[in-house]
Structures are given as C-alpha cells and as structure tokens.
Amino acid sequence: LEEKVGQMTQLNATAVANGTEITPEGEKMMRTYKVGSVL
C-alpha cells in the first residue's frame, strides 16, 4: 500500500534537491514515501 500511495505522490524538485544536487533529506523522503513523480 505504501508503494501504491507513493506512486500517486508528486513532489516539487526543490523539495528533494538544492539546485540540481539531491539532498540527503530529499533522498530519504523519496525512499521513505516511495515517491513516483517529480516536477
């Protein structure tokens, strides 16, 4: 269920990265919530 809900979740690029560098916090959020889309 977590993976399915994650596919339905879309984050802004600035929520997961500082510029074009993915932050540790951003990667953790992507992995924890199985995020399926970024814009």
PDB file of all heavy atoms in Angstrom:
ATOM      1  N   LEU A   1       0.838  -1.202   0.000  1.00  0.00           N
ATOM      2  CA  LEU A   1       0.000   0.000   0.000  1.00  0.00           C
ATOM      3  C   LEU A   1       0.869   1.247   0.000  1.00  0.00           C
ATOM      4  O   LEU A   1       0.562   2.227  -0.694  1.00  0.00           O
ATOM      5  CB  LEU A   1      -0.927  -0.005   1.220  1.00  0.00           C
ATOM      6  CG  LEU A   1      -1.812   1.233   1.408  1.00  0.00           C
ATOM      7  CD1 LEU A   1      -2.691   1.473   0.180  1.00  0.00           C
ATOM      8  CD2 LEU A   1      -2.663   1.082   2.670  1.00  0.00           C
ATOM      9  N   GLU A   2       1.971   1.225   0.767  1.00  0.00           N
ATOM     10  CA  GLU A   2       2.878   2.381   0.792  1.00  0.00           C
ATOM     11  C   GLU A   2       3.425   2.680  -0.597  1.00  0.00           C
ATOM     12  O   GLU A   2       3.537   3.847  -1.006  1.00  0.00           O
ATOM     13  CB  GLU A   2       4.042   2.136   1.758  1.00  0.00           C
ATOM     14  CG  GLU A   2       3.660   2.139   3.219  1.00  0.00           C
ATOM     15  CD  GLU A   2       3.203   0.778   3.706  1.00  0.00           C
ATOM     16  OE1 GLU A   2       2.964  -0.124   2.863  1.00  0.00           O
ATOM     17  OE2 GLU A   2       3.057   0.616   4.931  1.00  0.00           O
ATOM     18  N   GLU A   3       3.775   1.642  -1.337  1.00  0.00           N
ATOM     19  CA  GLU A   3       4.317   1.841  -2.689  1.00  0.00           C
ATOM     20  C   GLU A   3       3.254   2.368  -3.640  1.00  0.00           C
ATOM     21  O   GLU A   3       3.547   3.218  -4.497  1.00  0.00           O
ATOM     22  CB  GLU A   3       4.889   0.521  -3.200  1.00  0.00           C
ATOM     23  CG  GLU A   3       6.171   0.102  -2.493  1.00  0.00           C
ATOM     24  CD  GLU A   3       6.616  -1.297  -2.856  1.00  0.00           C
ATOM     25  OE1 GLU A   3       5.762  -2.118  -3.256  1.00  0.00           O
ATOM     26  OE2 GLU A   3       7.827  -1.578  -2.733  1.00  0.00           O
ATOM     27  N   LYS A   4       2.037   1.916  -3.488  1.00  0.00           N
ATOM     28  CA  LYS A   4       0.959   2.401  -4.356  1.00  0.00           C
ATOM     29  C   LYS A   4       0.656   3.876  -4.081  1.00  0.00           C
ATOM     30  O   LYS A   4       0.533   4.683  -5.013  1.00  0.00           O
ATOM     31  CB  LYS A   4      -0.294   1.554  -4.155  1.00  0.00           C
ATOM     32  CG  LYS A   4      -0.169   0.133  -4.708  1.00  0.00           C
ATOM     33  CD  LYS A   4      -1.432  -0.679  -4.464  1.00  0.00           C
ATOM     34  CE  LYS A   4      -1.298  -2.073  -5.045  1.00  0.00           C
ATOM     35  NZ  LYS A   4      -2.520  -2.895  -4.814  1.00  0.00           N
ATOM     36  N   VAL A   5       0.546   4.219  -2.814  1.00  0.00           N
ATOM     37  CA  VAL A   5       0.289   5.610  -2.444  1.00  0.00           C
ATOM     38  C   VAL A   5       1.453   6.496  -2.893  1.00  0.00           C
ATOM     39  O   VAL A   5       1.261   7.638  -3.325  1.00  0.00           O
ATOM     40  CB  VAL A   5       0.048   5.719  -0.929  1.00  0.00           C
ATOM     41  CG1 VAL A   5       0.052   7.166  -0.478  1.00  0.00           C
ATOM     42  CG2 VAL A   5      -1.272   5.051  -0.566  1.00  0.00           C
ATOM     43  N   GLY A   6       2.679   5.972  -2.815  1.00  0.00           N
ATOM     44  CA  GLY A   6       3.850   6.719  -3.273  1.00  0.00           C
ATOM     45  C   GLY A   6       3.794   7.042  -4.754  1.00  0.00           C
ATOM     46  O   GLY A   6       4.207   8.144  -5.172  1.00  0.00           O
ATOM     47  N   GLN A   7       3.291   6.116  -5.554  1.00  0.00           N
ATOM     48  CA  GLN A   7       3.161   6.381  -6.982  1.00  0.00           C
ATOM     49  C   GLN A   7       2.199   7.532  -7.252  1.00  0.00           C
ATOM     50  O   GLN A   7       2.317   8.239  -8.244  1.00  0.00           O
ATOM     51  CB  GLN A   7       2.681   5.121  -7.717  1.00  0.00           C
ATOM     52  CG  GLN A   7       3.717   4.042  -7.866  1.00  0.00           C
ATOM     53  CD  GLN A   7       4.923   4.499  -8.658  1.00  0.00           C
ATOM     54  OE1 GLN A   7       4.806   4.941  -9.799  1.00  0.00           O
ATOM     55  NE2 GLN A   7       6.107   4.402  -8.057  1.00  0.00           N
ATOM     56  N   MET A   8       1.269   7.751  -6.353  1.00  0.00           N
ATOM     57  CA  MET A   8       0.270   8.807  -6.512  1.00  0.00           C
ATOM     58  C   MET A   8       0.763  10.155  -5.986  1.00  0.00           C
ATOM     59  O   MET A   8       0.029  11.144  -6.028  1.00  0.00           O
ATOM     60  CB  MET A   8      -1.020   8.402  -5.795  1.00  0.00           C
ATOM     61  CG  MET A   8      -1.652   7.123  -6.322  1.00  0.00           C
ATOM     62  SD  MET A   8      -3.003   6.491  -5.286  1.00  0.00           S
ATOM     63  CE  MET A   8      -4.241   7.758  -5.493  1.00  0.00           C
ATOM     64  N   THR A   9       2.003  10.198  -5.506  1.00  0.00           N
ATOM     65  CA  THR A   9       2.564  11.395  -4.886  1.00  0.00           C
ATOM     66  C   THR A   9       3.570  12.065  -5.804  1.00  0.00           C
ATOM     67  O   THR A   9       4.482  11.420  -6.311  1.00  0.00           O
ATOM     68  CB  THR A   9       3.259  11.022  -3.556  1.00  0.00           C
ATOM     69  OG1 THR A   9       2.326  10.359  -2.703  1.00  0.00           O
ATOM     70  CG2 THR A   9       3.805  12.260  -2.860  1.00  0.00           C
ATOM     71  N   GLN A  10       3.414  13.372  -6.012  1.00  0.00           N
ATOM     72  CA  GLN A  10       4.339  14.137  -6.852  1.00  0.00           C
ATOM     73  C   GLN A  10       4.913  15.301  -6.042  1.00  0.00           C
ATOM     74  O   GLN A  10       4.172  16.092  -5.470  1.00  0.00           O
ATOM     75  CB  GLN A  10       3.624  14.675  -8.091  1.00  0.00           C
ATOM     76  CG  GLN A  10       4.551  15.400  -9.049  1.00  0.00           C
ATOM     77  CD  GLN A  10       3.799  15.988 -10.241  1.00  0.00           C
ATOM     78  OE1 GLN A  10       2.906  16.806 -10.065  1.00  0.00           O
ATOM     79  NE2 GLN A  10       4.155  15.561 -11.434  1.00  0.00           N
ATOM     80  N   LEU A  11       6.261  15.373  -6.026  1.00  0.00           N
ATOM     81  CA  LEU A  11       6.956  16.429  -5.293  1.00  0.00           C
ATOM     82  C   LEU A  11       7.601  17.427  -6.233  1.00  0.00           C
ATOM     83  O   LEU A  11       7.972  17.082  -7.364  1.00  0.00           O
ATOM     84  CB  LEU A  11       8.043  15.823  -4.402  1.00  0.00           C
ATOM     85  CG  LEU A  11       7.587  14.989  -3.199  1.00  0.00           C
ATOM     86  CD1 LEU A  11       8.792  14.402  -2.487  1.00  0.00           C
ATOM     87  CD2 LEU A  11       6.733  15.808  -2.235  1.00  0.00           C
ATOM     88  N   ASN A  12       7.741  18.661  -5.765  1.00  0.00           N
ATOM     89  CA  ASN A  12       8.492  19.674  -6.495  1.00  0.00           C
ATOM     90  C   ASN A  12       9.985  19.374  -6.384  1.00  0.00           C
ATOM     91  O   ASN A  12      10.470  18.860  -5.365  1.00  0.00           O
ATOM     92  CB  ASN A  12       8.195  21.060  -5.928  1.00  0.00           C
ATOM     93  CG  ASN A  12       8.713  22.164  -6.818  1.00  0.00           C
ATOM     94  OD1 ASN A  12       8.416  22.209  -8.005  1.00  0.00           O
ATOM     95  ND2 ASN A  12       9.493  23.070  -6.247  1.00  0.00           N
ATOM     96  N   ALA A  13      10.749  19.734  -7.419  1.00  0.00           N
ATOM     97  CA  ALA A  13      12.184  19.457  -7.422  1.00  0.00           C
ATOM     98  C   ALA A  13      12.887  20.094  -6.229  1.00  0.00           C
ATOM     99  O   ALA A  13      13.818  19.512  -5.660  1.00  0.00           O
ATOM    100  CB  ALA A  13      12.811  19.939  -8.726  1.00  0.00           C
ATOM    101  N   THR A  14      12.451  21.287  -5.833  1.00  0.00           N
ATOM    102  CA  THR A  14      13.104  21.965  -4.722  1.00  0.00           C
ATOM    103  C   THR A  14      12.842  21.287  -3.381  1.00  0.00           C
ATOM    104  O   THR A  14      13.513  21.599  -2.386  1.00  0.00           O
ATOM    105  CB  THR A  14      12.655  23.435  -4.641  1.00  0.00           C
ATOM    106  OG1 THR A  14      11.230  23.483  -4.512  1.00  0.00           O
ATOM    107  CG2 THR A  14      13.088  24.205  -5.876  1.00  0.00           C
ATOM    108  N   ALA A  15      11.883  20.363  -3.328  1.00  0.00           N
ATOM    109  CA  ALA A  15      11.624  19.637  -2.089  1.00  0.00           C
ATOM    110  C   ALA A  15      12.636  18.518  -1.872  1.00  0.00           C
ATOM    111  O   ALA A  15      12.816  18.054  -0.743  1.00  0.00           O
ATOM    112  CB  ALA A  15      10.214  19.051  -2.101  1.00  0.00           C
ATOM    113  N   VAL A  16      13.287  18.088  -2.942  1.00  0.00           N
ATOM    114  CA  VAL A  16      14.221  16.961  -2.823  1.00  0.00           C
ATOM    115  C   VAL A  16      15.651  17.347  -3.149  1.00  0.00           C
ATOM    116  O   VAL A  16      16.557  16.532  -2.997  1.00  0.00           O
ATOM    117  CB  VAL A  16      13.790  15.786  -3.732  1.00  0.00           C
ATOM    118  CG1 VAL A  16      12.402  15.293  -3.330  1.00  0.00           C
ATOM    119  CG2 VAL A  16      13.807  16.177  -5.206  1.00  0.00           C
ATOM    120  N   ALA A  17      15.880  18.577  -3.609  1.00  0.00           N
ATOM    121  CA  ALA A  17      17.218  18.948  -4.072  1.00  0.00           C
ATOM    122  C   ALA A  17      17.549  20.391  -3.741  1.00  0.00           C
ATOM    123  O   ALA A  17      16.657  21.244  -3.608  1.00  0.00           O
ATOM    124  CB  ALA A  17      17.335  18.729  -5.584  1.00  0.00           C
ATOM    125  N   ASN A  18      18.824  20.664  -3.635  1.00  0.00           N
ATOM    126  CA  ASN A  18      19.359  22.016  -3.554  1.00  0.00           C
ATOM    127  C   ASN A  18      20.007  22.298  -4.902  1.00  0.00           C
ATOM    128  O   ASN A  18      21.076  21.774  -5.209  1.00  0.00           O
ATOM    129  CB  ASN A  18      20.380  22.122  -2.423  1.00  0.00           C
ATOM    130  CG  ASN A  18      20.945  23.520  -2.281  1.00  0.00           C
ATOM    131  OD1 ASN A  18      20.448  24.470  -2.883  1.00  0.00           O
ATOM    132  ND2 ASN A  18      22.002  23.662  -1.505  1.00  0.00           N
ATOM    133  N   GLY A  19      19.339  23.107  -5.719  1.00  0.00           N
ATOM    134  CA  GLY A  19      19.773  23.218  -7.111  1.00  0.00           C
ATOM    135  C   GLY A  19      19.566  21.883  -7.793  1.00  0.00           C
ATOM    136  O   GLY A  19      18.476  21.302  -7.728  1.00  0.00           O
ATOM    137  N   THR A  20      20.601  21.348  -8.414  1.00  0.00           N
ATOM    138  CA  THR A  20      20.499  20.048  -9.078  1.00  0.00           C
ATOM    139  C   THR A  20      21.092  18.917  -8.246  1.00  0.00           C
ATOM    140  O   THR A  20      21.216  17.795  -8.723  1.00  0.00           O
ATOM    141  CB  THR A  20      21.202  20.084 -10.450  1.00  0.00           C
ATOM    142  OG1 THR A  20      22.574  20.454 -10.264  1.00  0.00           O
ATOM    143  CG2 THR A  20      20.532  21.071 -11.382  1.00  0.00           C
ATOM    144  N   GLU A  21      21.436  19.205  -6.996  1.00  0.00           N
ATOM    145  CA  GLU A  21      22.005  18.185  -6.121  1.00  0.00           C
ATOM    146  C   GLU A  21      20.926  17.664  -5.170  1.00  0.00           C
ATOM    147  O   GLU A  21      20.382  18.422  -4.362  1.00  0.00           O
ATOM    148  CB  GLU A  21      23.177  18.754  -5.316  1.00  0.00           C
ATOM    149  CG  GLU A  21      24.379  19.157  -6.161  1.00  0.00           C
ATOM    150  CD  GLU A  21      25.004  17.978  -6.891  1.00  0.00           C
ATOM    151  OE1 GLU A  21      25.071  16.870  -6.286  1.00  0.00           O
ATOM    152  OE2 GLU A  21      25.407  18.158  -8.065  1.00  0.00           O
ATOM    153  N   ILE A  22      20.611  16.397  -5.272  1.00  0.00           N
ATOM    154  CA  ILE A  22      19.625  15.801  -4.373  1.00  0.00           C
ATOM    155  C   ILE A  22      20.195  15.786  -2.961  1.00  0.00           C
ATOM    156  O   ILE A  22      21.312  15.322  -2.724  1.00  0.00           O
ATOM    157  CB  ILE A  22      19.265  14.384  -4.834  1.00  0.00           C
ATOM    158  CG1 ILE A  22      18.620  14.433  -6.228  1.00  0.00           C
ATOM    159  CG2 ILE A  22      18.299  13.716  -3.838  1.00  0.00           C
ATOM    160  CD1 ILE A  22      18.350  13.087  -6.841  1.00  0.00           C
ATOM    161  N   THR A  23      19.430  16.320  -2.019  1.00  0.00           N
ATOM    162  CA  THR A  23      19.887  16.408  -0.634  1.00  0.00           C
ATOM    163  C   THR A  23      19.664  15.075   0.085  1.00  0.00           C
ATOM    164  O   THR A  23      18.811  14.272  -0.325  1.00  0.00           O
ATOM    165  CB  THR A  23      19.139  17.508   0.120  1.00  0.00           C
ATOM    166  OG1 THR A  23      17.735  17.166   0.155  1.00  0.00           O
ATOM    167  CG2 THR A  23      19.307  18.857  -0.568  1.00  0.00           C
ATOM    168  N   PRO A  24      20.409  14.824   1.171  1.00  0.00           N
ATOM    169  CA  PRO A  24      20.142  13.614   1.962  1.00  0.00           C
ATOM    170  C   PRO A  24      18.701  13.543   2.444  1.00  0.00           C
ATOM    171  O   PRO A  24      18.091  12.470   2.436  1.00  0.00           O
ATOM    172  CB  PRO A  24      21.129  13.742   3.133  1.00  0.00           C
ATOM    173  CG  PRO A  24      22.236  14.584   2.603  1.00  0.00           C
ATOM    174  CD  PRO A  24      21.588  15.561   1.663  1.00  0.00           C
ATOM    175  N   GLU A  25      18.155  14.708   2.827  1.00  0.00           N
ATOM    176  CA  GLU A  25      16.757  14.732   3.281  1.00  0.00           C
ATOM    177  C   GLU A  25      15.808  14.413   2.131  1.00  0.00           C
ATOM    178  O   GLU A  25      14.802  13.711   2.318  1.00  0.00           O
ATOM    179  CB  GLU A  25      16.416  16.114   3.860  1.00  0.00           C
ATOM    180  CG  GLU A  25      17.195  16.506   5.105  1.00  0.00           C
ATOM    181  CD  GLU A  25      18.606  16.994   4.804  1.00  0.00           C
ATOM    182  OE1 GLU A  25      18.928  17.239   3.612  1.00  0.00           O
ATOM    183  OE2 GLU A  25      19.388  17.127   5.756  1.00  0.00           O
ATOM    184  N   GLY A  26      16.137  14.939   0.941  1.00  0.00           N
ATOM    185  CA  GLY A  26      15.314  14.665  -0.225  1.00  0.00           C
ATOM    186  C   GLY A  26      15.331  13.201  -0.603  1.00  0.00           C
ATOM    187  O   GLY A  26      14.284  12.602  -0.919  1.00  0.00           O
ATOM    188  N   GLU A  27      16.502  12.595  -0.594  1.00  0.00           N
ATOM    189  CA  GLU A  27      16.598  11.165  -0.910  1.00  0.00           C
ATOM    190  C   GLU A  27      15.847  10.327   0.122  1.00  0.00           C
ATOM    191  O   GLU A  27      15.159   9.361  -0.232  1.00  0.00           O
ATOM    192  CB  GLU A  27      18.054  10.727  -0.977  1.00  0.00           C
ATOM    193  CG  GLU A  27      18.207   9.252  -1.307  1.00  0.00           C
ATOM    194  CD  GLU A  27      19.618   8.843  -1.650  1.00  0.00           C
ATOM    195  OE1 GLU A  27      20.484   9.720  -1.834  1.00  0.00           O
ATOM    196  OE2 GLU A  27      19.860   7.622  -1.741  1.00  0.00           O
ATOM    197  N   LYS A  28      15.966  10.710   1.397  1.00  0.00           N
ATOM    198  CA  LYS A  28      15.246   9.984   2.438  1.00  0.00           C
ATOM    199  C   LYS A  28      13.739  10.058   2.220  1.00  0.00           C
ATOM    200  O   LYS A  28      13.021   9.056   2.376  1.00  0.00           O
ATOM    201  CB  LYS A  28      15.614  10.553   3.809  1.00  0.00           C
ATOM    202  CG  LYS A  28      14.930   9.830   4.963  1.00  0.00           C
ATOM    203  CD  LYS A  28      15.328  10.428   6.309  1.00  0.00           C
ATOM    204  CE  LYS A  28      14.631   9.703   7.453  1.00  0.00           C
ATOM    205  NZ  LYS A  28      14.985  10.299   8.769  1.00  0.00           N
ATOM    206  N   MET A  29      13.238  11.242   1.842  1.00  0.00           N
ATOM    207  CA  MET A  29      11.807  11.397   1.589  1.00  0.00           C
ATOM    208  C   MET A  29      11.374  10.555   0.394  1.00  0.00           C
ATOM    209  O   MET A  29      10.321   9.894   0.429  1.00  0.00           O
ATOM    210  CB  MET A  29      11.477  12.878   1.364  1.00  0.00           C
ATOM    211  CG  MET A  29       9.999  13.156   1.265  1.00  0.00           C
ATOM    212  SD  MET A  29       9.539  14.879   1.628  1.00  0.00           S
ATOM    213  CE  MET A  29      10.617  15.809   0.564  1.00  0.00           C
ATOM    214  N   MET A  30      12.166  10.557  -0.679  1.00  0.00           N
ATOM    215  CA  MET A  30      11.860   9.748  -1.848  1.00  0.00           C
ATOM    216  C   MET A  30      11.766   8.267  -1.477  1.00  0.00           C
ATOM    217  O   MET A  30      10.852   7.552  -1.912  1.00  0.00           O
ATOM    218  CB  MET A  30      12.935   9.937  -2.919  1.00  0.00           C
ATOM    219  CG  MET A  30      12.975  11.308  -3.559  1.00  0.00           C
ATOM    220  SD  MET A  30      11.664  11.583  -4.773  1.00  0.00           S
ATOM    221  CE  MET A  30      12.091  10.397  -6.039  1.00  0.00           C
ATOM    222  N   ARG A  31      12.711   7.809  -0.665  1.00  0.00           N
ATOM    223  CA  ARG A  31      12.752   6.391  -0.301  1.00  0.00           C
ATOM    224  C   ARG A  31      11.670   6.026   0.723  1.00  0.00           C
ATOM    225  O   ARG A  31      10.998   4.995   0.591  1.00  0.00           O
ATOM    226  CB  ARG A  31      14.134   6.036   0.248  1.00  0.00           C
ATOM    227  CG  ARG A  31      15.247   6.066  -0.799  1.00  0.00           C
ATOM    228  CD  ARG A  31      16.564   5.594  -0.218  1.00  0.00           C
ATOM    229  NE  ARG A  31      17.661   5.675  -1.160  1.00  0.00           N
ATOM    230  CZ  ARG A  31      17.948   4.724  -2.070  1.00  0.00           C
ATOM    231  NH1 ARG A  31      17.203   3.633  -2.134  1.00  0.00           N
ATOM    232  NH2 ARG A  31      18.976   4.881  -2.882  1.00  0.00           N
ATOM    233  N   THR A  32      11.494   6.868   1.714  1.00  0.00           N
ATOM    234  CA  THR A  32      10.527   6.561   2.778  1.00  0.00           C
ATOM    235  C   THR A  32       9.113   6.479   2.238  1.00  0.00           C
ATOM    236  O   THR A  32       8.340   5.562   2.590  1.00  0.00           O
ATOM    237  CB  THR A  32      10.599   7.635   3.884  1.00  0.00           C
ATOM    238  OG1 THR A  32      11.914   7.655   4.430  1.00  0.00           O
ATOM    239  CG2 THR A  32       9.585   7.342   4.991  1.00  0.00           C
ATOM    240  N   TYR A  33       8.758   7.430   1.352  1.00  0.00           N
ATOM    241  CA  TYR A  33       7.388   7.504   0.864  1.00  0.00           C
ATOM    242  C   TYR A  33       7.231   6.961  -0.557  1.00  0.00           C
ATOM    243  O   TYR A  33       6.157   7.069  -1.145  1.00  0.00           O
ATOM    244  CB  TYR A  33       6.880   8.942   0.960  1.00  0.00           C
ATOM    245  CG  TYR A  33       6.819   9.421   2.388  1.00  0.00           C
ATOM    246  CD1 TYR A  33       7.801  10.263   2.911  1.00  0.00           C
ATOM    247  CD2 TYR A  33       5.793   9.005   3.234  1.00  0.00           C
ATOM    248  CE1 TYR A  33       7.752  10.687   4.234  1.00  0.00           C
ATOM    249  CE2 TYR A  33       5.736   9.425   4.558  1.00  0.00           C
ATOM    250  CZ  TYR A  33       6.719  10.263   5.054  1.00  0.00           C
ATOM    251  OH  TYR A  33       6.669  10.668   6.363  1.00  0.00           O
ATOM    252  N   LYS A  34       8.291   6.350  -1.101  1.00  0.00           N
ATOM    253  CA  LYS A  34       8.243   5.670  -2.417  1.00  0.00           C
ATOM    254  C   LYS A  34       7.689   6.591  -3.501  1.00  0.00           C
ATOM    255  O   LYS A  34       6.859   6.202  -4.320  1.00  0.00           O
ATOM    256  CB  LYS A  34       7.381   4.401  -2.345  1.00  0.00           C
ATOM    257  CG  LYS A  34       7.449   3.631  -1.033  1.00  0.00           C
ATOM    258  CD  LYS A  34       8.822   3.105  -0.724  1.00  0.00           C
ATOM    259  CE  LYS A  34       8.804   2.290   0.583  1.00  0.00           C
ATOM    260  NZ  LYS A  34      10.141   1.909   1.041  1.00  0.00           N
ATOM    261  N   VAL A  35       8.152   7.834  -3.518  1.00  0.00           N
ATOM    262  CA  VAL A  35       7.581   8.874  -4.382  1.00  0.00           C
ATOM    263  C   VAL A  35       7.737   8.512  -5.860  1.00  0.00           C
ATOM    264  O   VAL A  35       8.821   8.144  -6.316  1.00  0.00           O
ATOM    265  CB  VAL A  35       8.251  10.231  -4.083  1.00  0.00           C
ATOM    266  CG1 VAL A  35       7.784  11.293  -5.056  1.00  0.00           C
ATOM    267  CG2 VAL A  35       7.952  10.652  -2.643  1.00  0.00           C
ATOM    268  N   GLY A  36       6.655   8.665  -6.623  1.00  0.00           N
ATOM    269  CA  GLY A  36       6.648   8.207  -8.004  1.00  0.00           C
ATOM    270  C   GLY A  36       6.847   9.275  -9.048  1.00  0.00           C
ATOM    271  O   GLY A  36       7.043   8.965 -10.228  1.00  0.00           O
ATOM    272  N   SER A  37       6.797  10.568  -8.651  1.00  0.00           N
ATOM    273  CA  SER A  37       6.880  11.625  -9.660  1.00  0.00           C
ATOM    274  C   SER A  37       7.474  12.889  -9.058  1.00  0.00           C
ATOM    275  O   SER A  37       7.266  13.198  -7.880  1.00  0.00           O
ATOM    276  CB  SER A  37       5.493  11.934 -10.238  1.00  0.00           C
ATOM    277  OG  SER A  37       5.557  12.915 -11.254  1.00  0.00           O
ATOM    278  N   VAL A  38       8.214  13.622  -9.899  1.00  0.00           N
ATOM    279  CA  VAL A  38       8.805  14.915  -9.523  1.00  0.00           C
ATOM    280  C   VAL A  38       8.549  15.892 -10.664  1.00  0.00           C
ATOM    281  O   VAL A  38       8.519  15.506 -11.839  1.00  0.00           O
ATOM    282  CB  VAL A  38      10.323  14.778  -9.249  1.00  0.00           C
ATOM    283  CG1 VAL A  38      10.961  16.139  -8.979  1.00  0.00           C
ATOM    284  CG2 VAL A  38      10.570  13.832  -8.068  1.00  0.00           C
ATOM    285  N   LEU A  39       8.363  17.173 -10.326  1.00  0.00           N
ATOM    286  CA  LEU A  39       8.121  18.176 -11.357  1.00  0.00           C
ATOM    287  C   LEU A  39       8.960  19.412 -11.121  1.00  0.00           C
ATOM    288  O   LEU A  39       9.529  19.600 -10.045  1.00  0.00           O
ATOM    289  CB  LEU A  39       6.648  18.593 -11.392  1.00  0.00           C
ATOM    290  CG  LEU A  39       6.175  19.669 -10.381  1.00  0.00           C
ATOM    291  CD1 LEU A  39       5.010  20.443 -10.970  1.00  0.00           C
ATOM    292  CD2 LEU A  39       5.810  19.071  -9.034  1.00  0.00           C
TER     293      LEU A  39
END
